[in-house]
Amino acid sequence: MVSHTLQKVYILGLTHSGRAFRPSDWAERLAGVMSQFRPGGARPGSHMAYSPWCVPSSVNGVRCVIVDEKLRDHEVMAWDFCMNFAKDNELQTSIGVPPASPAPPAARQS
């Protein structure tokens, strides 16, 4: 029997073309929306802390959100929201481990 190992998905603040995603606080905003999805469900005051299943962070100086697959087991629509956010905004993702060295953000062009 093969056991499924829970993994994490890293949503990087870089588009597939290498541009930095804006606004700069996008990771905190996304994680804030997901704060109600947590072990034991939402409780009074739980909106004041990030869910352990969706946490803003950075990898090699690039803002990211780390989404644990446990979110999918708890609430598939919340998982789909995160994955579709990445897809719709053409953000780079990495499954399982953080990317070793993402490409640096491209300079913004006027």
Protein backbone atom coordinates (compact mmCIF):
# COMPACT_ATOMS: atom_id res chain seq x y z
CA MET A 1 0.00 0.00 0.00
CA VAL A 2 1.37 3.40 -1.00
CA SER A 3 0.79 6.17 1.53
CA HIS A 4 0.16 9.69 0.36
CA THR A 5 2.66 12.13 1.85
CA LEU A 6 1.13 15.50 2.57
CA GLN A 7 2.91 18.22 0.73
CA LYS A 8 3.05 21.96 0.63
CA VAL A 9 2.57 24.17 -2.38
CA TYR A 10 4.66 27.32 -2.59
CA ILE A 11 2.92 30.10 -4.50
CA LEU A 12 5.63 32.56 -5.46
CA GLY A 13 5.12 36.26 -6.05
CA LEU A 14 6.62 35.92 -9.51
CA THR A 15 4.69 35.51 -12.72
CA HIS A 16 5.70 32.88 -15.25
CA SER A 17 7.41 35.67 -17.20
CA GLY A 18 9.50 36.58 -14.12
CA ARG A 19 7.72 39.80 -13.15
CA ALA A 20 7.14 40.62 -9.49
CA PHE A 21 3.47 40.26 -8.55
CA ARG A 22 1.76 43.35 -7.17
CA PRO A 23 0.56 44.61 -4.74
CA SER A 24 3.54 43.93 -2.52
CA ASP A 25 1.34 42.69 0.36
CA TRP A 26 -0.51 40.13 -1.78
CA ALA A 27 0.79 37.20 0.33
CA GLU A 28 -0.56 38.66 3.56
CA ARG A 29 -3.90 39.42 1.88
CA LEU A 30 -4.31 35.89 0.54
CA ALA A 31 -3.30 34.30 3.84
CA GLY A 32 -5.65 36.67 5.67
CA VAL A 33 -8.61 35.52 3.57
CA MET A 34 -7.69 31.91 4.43
CA SER A 35 -7.28 32.59 8.19
CA GLN A 36 -10.68 31.10 9.05
CA PHE A 37 -9.69 27.69 7.69
CA ARG A 38 -7.82 25.97 10.50
CA PRO A 39 -7.80 22.81 12.60
CA GLY A 40 -10.93 22.83 14.75
CA GLY A 41 -12.58 25.46 12.55
CA ALA A 42 -12.90 29.19 13.04
CA ARG A 43 -13.17 30.44 16.62
CA PRO A 44 -13.65 33.92 18.06
CA GLY A 45 -10.46 35.88 17.45
CA SER A 46 -9.01 33.31 15.03
CA HIS A 47 -9.17 35.88 12.24
CA MET A 48 -6.34 37.65 14.07
CA ALA A 49 -3.83 34.93 13.15
CA TYR A 50 -2.96 33.12 9.94
CA SER A 51 -4.13 29.58 9.40
CA PRO A 52 -1.33 27.02 9.82
CA TRP A 53 -2.41 25.72 6.40
CA CYS A 54 -1.85 29.00 4.49
CA VAL A 55 1.08 31.10 5.65
CA PRO A 56 2.79 34.11 4.05
CA SER A 57 6.57 33.78 3.84
CA SER A 58 9.48 34.44 1.51
CA VAL A 59 11.86 32.22 -0.41
CA ASN A 60 15.18 33.66 -1.51
CA GLY A 61 13.83 37.18 -1.07
CA VAL A 62 10.62 36.53 -3.03
CA ARG A 63 7.26 36.82 -1.25
CA CYS A 64 5.26 33.62 -1.26
CA VAL A 65 2.37 31.80 0.38
CA ILE A 66 2.88 28.26 1.63
CA VAL A 67 -0.33 26.25 1.31
CA ASP A 68 -0.46 22.90 3.10
CA GLU A 69 -2.46 20.11 1.46
CA LYS A 70 -4.30 19.69 4.76
CA LEU A 71 -6.33 22.70 3.65
CA ARG A 72 -7.69 20.63 0.75
CA ASP A 73 -8.73 17.84 3.14
CA HIS A 74 -10.48 20.35 5.41
CA GLU A 75 -12.15 22.57 2.77
CA VAL A 76 -11.66 21.80 -0.90
CA MET A 77 -13.19 25.12 -2.02
CA ALA A 78 -10.60 27.06 0.00
CA TRP A 79 -7.84 24.94 -1.58
CA ASP A 80 -9.27 25.56 -5.04
CA PHE A 81 -9.43 29.30 -4.31
CA CYS A 82 -5.69 29.38 -3.54
CA MET A 83 -4.73 27.25 -6.52
CA ASN A 84 -6.96 29.25 -8.88
CA PHE A 85 -5.51 32.50 -7.49
CA ALA A 86 -2.06 31.28 -8.54
CA LYS A 87 -3.30 30.08 -11.93
CA ASP A 88 -5.39 33.18 -12.71
CA ASN A 89 -2.50 35.49 -11.85
CA GLU A 90 0.05 33.30 -13.69
CA LEU A 91 2.15 32.86 -10.56
CA GLN A 92 4.98 30.36 -10.30
CA THR A 93 4.36 27.43 -7.98
CA SER A 94 6.54 24.74 -6.47
CA ILE A 95 5.21 21.51 -4.98
CA GLY A 96 6.80 19.80 -2.00
CA VAL A 97 9.90 21.87 -1.41
CA PRO A 98 10.70 25.53 -1.86
CA PRO A 99 12.34 26.34 -5.16
CA ALA A 100 16.13 26.42 -4.91
CA SER A 101 16.57 29.81 -6.49
CA PRO A 102 13.72 31.47 -8.32
CA ALA A 103 14.55 33.88 -11.08
CA PRO A 104 14.89 37.45 -9.81
CA PRO A 105 11.92 39.73 -10.43
CA ALA A 106 12.07 41.51 -13.77
CA ALA A 107 12.31 45.28 -13.68
CA ARG A 108 8.99 47.02 -14.10
CA GLN A 109 8.55 48.72 -17.42
CA SER A 110 6.58 51.93 -17.78
